[in-house]
Amino acid sequence: DINECDSGVDVCHEDAMCLNTFGSFSCSCKAGYRGDGQSCTDIDECAINSFFCPKNSDCVNTVGSYECACLGGYEKKNGKCVDLNECTLGSHECNANANCDNTDGSHTCTCKAGYTGDGFTCLDTNECEALTHECSADASCENSIGSYSCSCERGFEGNGFMCADVNECSTGGANNCAANAECINVHGSFECECQDGFSGDGVTCEDVNECDNNTCDENA
């Protein structure tokens, strides 16, 4: 018997196996192929659902076989496709001013407090212009990147979120009223009024000479 398989005189396809028989030979396509042995074509296991892939993966046809590729957001571990934490790996595309929250197979991006946007683009929020600040009505608001600050207006004291009127009249030296004037505290400020017998703007008070415009008798 001549072994046609060993001598290379068989007509089997390159993707087939040659089996020597007594006085002849036979050809059969290899696993992953179909045909009569002399003609063999690849079987697309993915197209005919003749495959087994783990959850969260796709079937990818290869010549004579197939592979299982994990979906985006997953990685292969011990034959399974498990969630890939883009947030801890730093493979996310969140803005530097956004928080990354991992989800199964993906992630979300949310702008941090003080910023607005879709998480991929985050712009500073001007809380002062938007009137979303919590400054006191007696304080000024100053915007900063990602935040803001509050400062009590002149005549008030506090942390900017709570401001109390400063009584300039009772603090001694905090007012510039004349010695002959009365200091009157008002909301956020003070006023000066010259005492009886004096005239001026309260900051400067001069004695009124009542004798110039008196009603005294000529013999008095």
C-alpha atoms as a PDB file:
ATOM      1  CA  ASP A   1       0.000   0.000   0.000  1.00  0.00           C
ATOM      2  CA  ILE A   2       1.252   3.461  -0.912  1.00  0.00           C
ATOM      3  CA  ASN A   3       0.674   6.070   1.772  1.00  0.00           C
ATOM      4  CA  GLU A   4      -0.591   8.939  -0.335  1.00  0.00           C
ATOM      5  CA  CYS A   5      -0.722  11.169   2.733  1.00  0.00           C
ATOM      6  CA  ASP A   6       2.986  10.843   3.442  1.00  0.00           C
ATOM      7  CA  SER A   7       4.057  10.960  -0.186  1.00  0.00           C
ATOM      8  CA  GLY A   8       2.124  14.161  -0.838  1.00  0.00           C
ATOM      9  CA  VAL A   9       0.164  12.884  -3.783  1.00  0.00           C
ATOM     10  CA  ASP A  10      -3.181  13.406  -2.049  1.00  0.00           C
ATOM     11  CA  VAL A  11      -5.526  16.140  -3.167  1.00  0.00           C
ATOM     12  CA  CYS A  12      -6.674  17.112   0.304  1.00  0.00           C
ATOM     13  CA  HIS A  13      -7.232  20.821   1.039  1.00  0.00           C
ATOM     14  CA  GLU A  14      -4.626  22.613   3.132  1.00  0.00           C
ATOM     15  CA  ASP A  15      -7.233  22.934   5.898  1.00  0.00           C
ATOM     16  CA  ALA A  16      -8.058  19.221   5.743  1.00  0.00           C
ATOM     17  CA  MET A  17      -6.532  16.090   7.215  1.00  0.00           C
ATOM     18  CA  CYS A  18      -5.443  13.195   5.020  1.00  0.00           C
ATOM     19  CA  LEU A  19      -6.250   9.694   6.248  1.00  0.00           C
ATOM     20  CA  ASN A  20      -4.467   6.810   4.540  1.00  0.00           C
ATOM     21  CA  THR A  21      -6.593   3.769   3.810  1.00  0.00           C
ATOM     22  CA  PHE A  22      -5.665   0.424   2.243  1.00  0.00           C
ATOM     23  CA  GLY A  23      -5.073   1.200  -1.393  1.00  0.00           C
ATOM     24  CA  SER A  24      -6.364   4.754  -1.125  1.00  0.00           C
ATOM     25  CA  PHE A  25      -6.906   7.746   1.199  1.00  0.00           C
ATOM     26  CA  SER A  26      -9.644  10.061   2.439  1.00  0.00           C
ATOM     27  CA  CYS A  27      -9.791  13.786   3.212  1.00  0.00           C
ATOM     28  CA  SER A  28     -11.748  15.435   6.007  1.00  0.00           C
ATOM     29  CA  CYS A  29     -11.879  19.135   6.862  1.00  0.00           C
ATOM     30  CA  LYS A  30     -10.290  20.167  10.146  1.00  0.00           C
ATOM     31  CA  ALA A  31     -12.376  21.403  13.094  1.00  0.00           C
ATOM     32  CA  GLY A  32     -13.656  24.882  12.344  1.00  0.00           C
ATOM     33  CA  TYR A  33     -13.972  24.157   8.604  1.00  0.00           C
ATOM     34  CA  ARG A  34     -16.555  22.449   6.439  1.00  0.00           C
ATOM     35  CA  GLY A  35     -16.447  20.840   3.011  1.00  0.00           C
ATOM     36  CA  ASP A  36     -15.604  17.550   1.333  1.00  0.00           C
ATOM     37  CA  GLY A  37     -11.973  17.567   2.363  1.00  0.00           C
ATOM     38  CA  GLN A  38     -10.754  18.617  -1.038  1.00  0.00           C
ATOM     39  CA  SER A  39     -12.465  21.975  -0.562  1.00  0.00           C
ATOM     40  CA  CYS A  40     -12.724  23.439   2.941  1.00  0.00           C
ATOM     41  CA  THR A  41     -14.130  26.812   4.042  1.00  0.00           C
ATOM     42  CA  ASP A  42     -14.046  28.495   7.408  1.00  0.00           C
ATOM     43  CA  ILE A  43     -17.091  28.046   9.641  1.00  0.00           C
ATOM     44  CA  ASP A  44     -18.237  31.362  11.154  1.00  0.00           C
ATOM     45  CA  GLU A  45     -19.170  30.082  14.576  1.00  0.00           C
ATOM     46  CA  CYS A  46     -20.318  33.561  15.607  1.00  0.00           C
ATOM     47  CA  ALA A  47     -22.830  33.805  12.757  1.00  0.00           C
ATOM     48  CA  ILE A  48     -24.383  30.404  13.398  1.00  0.00           C
ATOM     49  CA  ASN A  49     -24.368  30.752  17.204  1.00  0.00           C
ATOM     50  CA  SER A  50     -22.044  27.792  17.493  1.00  0.00           C
ATOM     51  CA  PHE A  51     -19.932  29.294  20.234  1.00  0.00           C
ATOM     52  CA  PHE A  52     -19.772  29.795  23.969  1.00  0.00           C
ATOM     53  CA  CYS A  53     -18.547  33.123  25.312  1.00  0.00           C
ATOM     54  CA  PRO A  54     -18.826  34.410  28.883  1.00  0.00           C
ATOM     55  CA  LYS A  55     -21.163  37.213  29.872  1.00  0.00           C
ATOM     56  CA  ASN A  56     -20.131  40.720  28.809  1.00  0.00           C
ATOM     57  CA  SER A  57     -18.168  39.532  25.771  1.00  0.00           C
ATOM     58  CA  ASP A  58     -18.557  39.335  21.992  1.00  0.00           C
ATOM     59  CA  CYS A  59     -17.759  36.458  19.665  1.00  0.00           C
ATOM     60  CA  VAL A  60     -15.041  37.299  17.117  1.00  0.00           C
ATOM     61  CA  ASN A  61     -14.609  34.860  14.231  1.00  0.00           C
ATOM     62  CA  THR A  62     -11.084  33.755  13.354  1.00  0.00           C
ATOM     63  CA  VAL A  63      -9.785  31.447  10.639  1.00  0.00           C
ATOM     64  CA  GLY A  64     -10.816  27.974  11.737  1.00  0.00           C
ATOM     65  CA  SER A  65     -12.044  29.065  15.140  1.00  0.00           C
ATOM     66  CA  TYR A  66     -13.331  32.043  17.160  1.00  0.00           C
ATOM     67  CA  GLU A  67     -12.352  34.212  20.095  1.00  0.00           C
ATOM     68  CA  CYS A  68     -14.283  35.869  22.868  1.00  0.00           C
ATOM     69  CA  ALA A  69     -13.487  39.566  23.298  1.00  0.00           C
ATOM     70  CA  CYS A  70     -14.620  41.404  26.427  1.00  0.00           C
ATOM     71  CA  LEU A  71     -16.900  44.348  25.809  1.00  0.00           C
ATOM     72  CA  GLY A  72     -15.649  47.874  26.421  1.00  0.00           C
ATOM     73  CA  GLY A  73     -15.460  48.571  30.135  1.00  0.00           C
ATOM     74  CA  TYR A  74     -14.587  44.943  30.972  1.00  0.00           C
ATOM     75  CA  GLU A  75     -11.362  42.955  31.197  1.00  0.00           C
ATOM     76  CA  LYS A  76     -10.710  39.217  31.110  1.00  0.00           C
ATOM     77  CA  LYS A  77      -9.818  37.541  34.390  1.00  0.00           C
ATOM     78  CA  ASN A  78      -9.878  33.805  34.974  1.00  0.00           C
ATOM     79  CA  GLY A  79     -11.927  33.225  31.827  1.00  0.00           C
ATOM     80  CA  LYS A  80     -14.546  35.802  32.767  1.00  0.00           C
ATOM     81  CA  CYS A  81     -15.137  39.389  31.712  1.00  0.00           C
ATOM     82  CA  VAL A  82     -15.212  41.534  34.840  1.00  0.00           C
ATOM     83  CA  ASP A  83     -15.844  45.234  35.268  1.00  0.00           C
ATOM     84  CA  LEU A  84     -12.928  47.554  34.544  1.00  0.00           C
ATOM     85  CA  ASN A  85     -12.808  50.421  37.057  1.00  0.00           C
ATOM     86  CA  GLU A  86     -11.872  53.330  34.822  1.00  0.00           C
ATOM     87  CA  CYS A  87     -11.944  55.724  37.790  1.00  0.00           C
ATOM     88  CA  THR A  88      -9.192  54.030  39.797  1.00  0.00           C
ATOM     89  CA  LEU A  89      -7.156  53.150  36.706  1.00  0.00           C
ATOM     90  CA  GLY A  90      -7.299  56.725  35.422  1.00  0.00           C
ATOM     91  CA  SER A  91      -8.531  55.611  32.008  1.00  0.00           C
ATOM     92  CA  HIS A  92     -11.661  57.779  32.201  1.00  0.00           C
ATOM     93  CA  GLU A  93     -12.184  61.035  30.302  1.00  0.00           C
ATOM     94  CA  CYS A  94     -13.705  63.050  33.129  1.00  0.00           C
ATOM     95  CA  ASN A  95     -12.701  66.674  33.499  1.00  0.00           C
ATOM     96  CA  ALA A  96     -10.124  67.527  36.159  1.00  0.00           C
ATOM     97  CA  ASN A  97     -12.914  69.382  37.983  1.00  0.00           C
ATOM     98  CA  ALA A  98     -15.331  66.440  37.870  1.00  0.00           C
ATOM     99  CA  ASN A  99     -15.921  63.339  39.977  1.00  0.00           C
ATOM    100  CA  CYS A 100     -15.661  59.928  38.314  1.00  0.00           C
ATOM    101  CA  ASP A 101     -18.138  57.271  39.489  1.00  0.00           C
ATOM    102  CA  ASN A 102     -17.606  53.710  38.323  1.00  0.00           C
ATOM    103  CA  THR A 103     -20.593  51.750  37.005  1.00  0.00           C
ATOM    104  CA  ASP A 104     -20.862  48.202  35.686  1.00  0.00           C
ATOM    105  CA  GLY A 105     -18.981  48.271  32.404  1.00  0.00           C
ATOM    106  CA  SER A 106     -18.710  52.036  32.298  1.00  0.00           C
ATOM    107  CA  HIS A 107     -18.483  55.192  34.412  1.00  0.00           C
ATOM    108  CA  THR A 108     -20.120  58.579  34.858  1.00  0.00           C
ATOM    109  CA  CYS A 109     -18.590  62.033  35.198  1.00  0.00           C
ATOM    110  CA  THR A 110     -20.194  64.736  37.344  1.00  0.00           C
ATOM    111  CA  CYS A 111     -18.856  68.258  37.731  1.00  0.00           C
ATOM    112  CA  LYS A 112     -17.779  69.110  41.259  1.00  0.00           C
ATOM    113  CA  ALA A 113     -19.572  71.696  43.365  1.00  0.00           C
ATOM    114  CA  GLY A 114     -18.781  75.144  42.033  1.00  0.00           C
ATOM    115  CA  TYR A 115     -18.643  73.965  38.419  1.00  0.00           C
ATOM    116  CA  THR A 116     -21.230  73.352  35.705  1.00  0.00           C
ATOM    117  CA  GLY A 117     -21.072  71.122  32.643  1.00  0.00           C
ATOM    118  CA  ASP A 118     -21.497  67.546  31.458  1.00  0.00           C
ATOM    119  CA  GLY A 119     -18.609  66.127  33.472  1.00  0.00           C
ATOM    120  CA  PHE A 120     -16.322  66.014  30.464  1.00  0.00           C
ATOM    121  CA  THR A 121     -16.275  69.799  30.275  1.00  0.00           C
ATOM    122  CA  CYS A 122     -16.649  71.712  33.549  1.00  0.00           C
ATOM    123  CA  LEU A 123     -16.669  75.493  33.811  1.00  0.00           C
ATOM    124  CA  ASP A 124     -16.496  77.610  36.927  1.00  0.00           C
ATOM    125  CA  THR A 125     -19.876  78.691  38.276  1.00  0.00           C
ATOM    126  CA  ASN A 126     -19.985  82.352  39.242  1.00  0.00           C
ATOM    127  CA  GLU A 127     -22.144  82.007  42.331  1.00  0.00           C
ATOM    128  CA  CYS A 128     -22.033  85.777  42.873  1.00  0.00           C
ATOM    129  CA  GLU A 129     -23.594  86.590  39.498  1.00  0.00           C
ATOM    130  CA  ALA A 130     -25.969  83.628  39.610  1.00  0.00           C
ATOM    131  CA  LEU A 131     -27.088  84.668  43.127  1.00  0.00           C
ATOM    132  CA  THR A 132     -26.622  81.106  44.348  1.00  0.00           C
ATOM    133  CA  HIS A 133     -24.219  82.172  47.098  1.00  0.00           C
ATOM    134  CA  GLU A 134     -25.059  82.200  50.796  1.00  0.00           C
ATOM    135  CA  CYS A 135     -23.435  85.509  51.699  1.00  0.00           C
ATOM    136  CA  SER A 136     -25.191  87.796  54.133  1.00  0.00           C
ATOM    137  CA  ALA A 137     -27.241  90.651  52.714  1.00  0.00           C
ATOM    138  CA  ASP A 138     -24.701  92.908  54.443  1.00  0.00           C
ATOM    139  CA  ALA A 139     -21.699  91.220  52.786  1.00  0.00           C
ATOM    140  CA  SER A 140     -19.991  91.320  49.419  1.00  0.00           C
ATOM    141  CA  CYS A 141     -19.522  88.150  47.347  1.00  0.00           C
ATOM    142  CA  GLU A 142     -16.257  87.508  45.509  1.00  0.00           C
ATOM    143  CA  ASN A 143     -16.086  84.676  42.992  1.00  0.00           C
ATOM    144  CA  SER A 144     -13.111  82.305  42.871  1.00  0.00           C
ATOM    145  CA  ILE A 145     -12.340  79.250  40.751  1.00  0.00           C
ATOM    146  CA  GLY A 146     -14.762  76.568  41.909  1.00  0.00           C
ATOM    147  CA  SER A 147     -15.998  78.549  44.874  1.00  0.00           C
ATOM    148  CA  TYR A 148     -16.570  82.044  46.309  1.00  0.00           C
ATOM    149  CA  SER A 149     -15.919  84.053  49.462  1.00  0.00           C
ATOM    150  CA  CYS A 150     -18.041  86.433  51.539  1.00  0.00           C
ATOM    151  CA  SER A 151     -16.798  89.548  53.319  1.00  0.00           C
ATOM    152  CA  CYS A 152     -18.890  91.716  55.606  1.00  0.00           C
ATOM    153  CA  GLU A 153     -19.392  95.236  54.332  1.00  0.00           C
ATOM    154  CA  ARG A 154     -17.866  98.196  56.144  1.00  0.00           C
ATOM    155  CA  GLY A 155     -19.855  98.855  59.288  1.00  0.00           C
ATOM    156  CA  PHE A 156     -20.522  95.168  59.855  1.00  0.00           C
ATOM    157  CA  GLU A 157     -18.584  92.312  61.403  1.00  0.00           C
ATOM    158  CA  GLY A 158     -18.780  88.535  61.057  1.00  0.00           C
ATOM    159  CA  ASN A 159     -17.719  85.690  58.792  1.00  0.00           C
ATOM    160  CA  GLY A 160     -19.452  86.987  55.673  1.00  0.00           C
ATOM    161  CA  PHE A 161     -22.281  84.499  55.935  1.00  0.00           C
ATOM    162  CA  MET A 162     -23.502  86.188  59.114  1.00  0.00           C
ATOM    163  CA  CYS A 163     -22.837  89.907  59.552  1.00  0.00           C
ATOM    164  CA  ALA A 164     -23.837  92.033  62.545  1.00  0.00           C
ATOM    165  CA  ASP A 165     -23.961  95.807  62.688  1.00  0.00           C
ATOM    166  CA  VAL A 166     -20.957  97.461  64.335  1.00  0.00           C
ATOM    167  CA  ASN A 167     -22.056 100.084  66.871  1.00  0.00           C
ATOM    168  CA  GLU A 168     -19.435 102.708  66.158  1.00  0.00           C
ATOM    169  CA  CYS A 169     -20.875 104.901  68.883  1.00  0.00           C
ATOM    170  CA  SER A 170     -20.239 102.410  71.685  1.00  0.00           C
ATOM    171  CA  THR A 171     -16.853 101.113  70.626  1.00  0.00           C
ATOM    172  CA  GLY A 172     -14.956 104.288  71.346  1.00  0.00           C
ATOM    173  CA  GLY A 173     -12.755 105.712  68.653  1.00  0.00           C
ATOM    174  CA  ALA A 174     -14.599 103.996  65.840  1.00  0.00           C
ATOM    175  CA  ASN A 175     -16.402 107.223  65.026  1.00  0.00           C
ATOM    176  CA  ASN A 176     -15.111 110.651  64.174  1.00  0.00           C
ATOM    177  CA  CYS A 177     -17.816 112.701  65.824  1.00  0.00           C
ATOM    178  CA  ALA A 178     -16.725 115.938  67.458  1.00  0.00           C
ATOM    179  CA  ALA A 179     -16.414 116.082  71.231  1.00  0.00           C
ATOM    180  CA  ASN A 180     -19.436 118.385  71.265  1.00  0.00           C
ATOM    181  CA  ALA A 181     -21.540 116.087  69.101  1.00  0.00           C
ATOM    182  CA  GLU A 182     -23.814 113.136  69.708  1.00  0.00           C
ATOM    183  CA  CYS A 183     -23.032 109.859  67.882  1.00  0.00           C
ATOM    184  CA  ILE A 184     -26.105 108.080  66.537  1.00  0.00           C
ATOM    185  CA  ASN A 185     -25.692 104.484  65.394  1.00  0.00           C
ATOM    186  CA  VAL A 186     -27.509 103.490  62.183  1.00  0.00           C
ATOM    187  CA  HIS A 187     -27.555 100.235  60.212  1.00  0.00           C
ATOM    188  CA  GLY A 188     -24.024  99.718  58.942  1.00  0.00           C
ATOM    189  CA  SER A 189     -22.828 103.203  59.856  1.00  0.00           C
ATOM    190  CA  PHE A 190     -23.292 106.152  62.230  1.00  0.00           C
ATOM    191  CA  GLU A 191     -24.265 109.802  62.193  1.00  0.00           C
ATOM    192  CA  CYS A 192     -22.958 112.782  64.131  1.00  0.00           C
ATOM    193  CA  GLU A 193     -25.179 115.637  65.361  1.00  0.00           C
ATOM    194  CA  CYS A 194     -23.847 118.688  67.127  1.00  0.00           C
ATOM    195  CA  GLN A 195     -25.167 119.187  70.636  1.00  0.00           C
ATOM    196  CA  ASP A 196     -27.403 122.107  71.539  1.00  0.00           C
ATOM    197  CA  GLY A 197     -25.387 125.289  71.584  1.00  0.00           C
ATOM    198  CA  PHE A 198     -23.108 124.122  68.795  1.00  0.00           C
ATOM    199  CA  SER A 199     -23.398 124.132  65.025  1.00  0.00           C
ATOM    200  CA  GLY A 200     -21.647 122.145  62.300  1.00  0.00           C
ATOM    201  CA  ASP A 201     -21.749 118.826  60.473  1.00  0.00           C
ATOM    202  CA  GLY A 202     -21.205 116.781  63.619  1.00  0.00           C
ATOM    203  CA  VAL A 203     -17.617 116.060  62.763  1.00  0.00           C
ATOM    204  CA  THR A 204     -16.784 119.678  63.381  1.00  0.00           C
ATOM    205  CA  CYS A 205     -18.915 121.594  65.894  1.00  0.00           C
ATOM    206  CA  GLU A 206     -18.399 125.244  66.771  1.00  0.00           C
ATOM    207  CA  ASP A 207     -19.918 127.135  69.650  1.00  0.00           C
ATOM    208  CA  VAL A 208     -22.984 129.163  68.786  1.00  0.00           C
ATOM    209  CA  ASN A 209     -22.681 132.706  70.180  1.00  0.00           C
ATOM    210  CA  GLU A 210     -26.227 133.189  71.320  1.00  0.00           C
ATOM    211  CA  CYS A 211     -25.377 136.748  72.350  1.00  0.00           C
ATOM    212  CA  ASP A 212     -25.162 137.773  68.689  1.00  0.00           C
ATOM    213  CA  ASN A 213     -28.797 136.820  68.178  1.00  0.00           C
ATOM    214  CA  ASN A 214     -30.186 137.156  71.685  1.00  0.00           C
ATOM    215  CA  THR A 215     -33.545 138.205  72.957  1.00  0.00           C
ATOM    216  CA  CYS A 216     -32.184 139.651  76.170  1.00  0.00           C
ATOM    217  CA  ASP A 217     -33.451 143.031  77.363  1.00  0.00           C
ATOM    218  CA  GLU A 218     -31.157 145.936  76.560  1.00  0.00           C
ATOM    219  CA  ASN A 219     -30.620 146.424  80.242  1.00  0.00           C
ATOM    220  CA  ALA A 220     -29.664 142.839  80.800  1.00  0.00           C
END
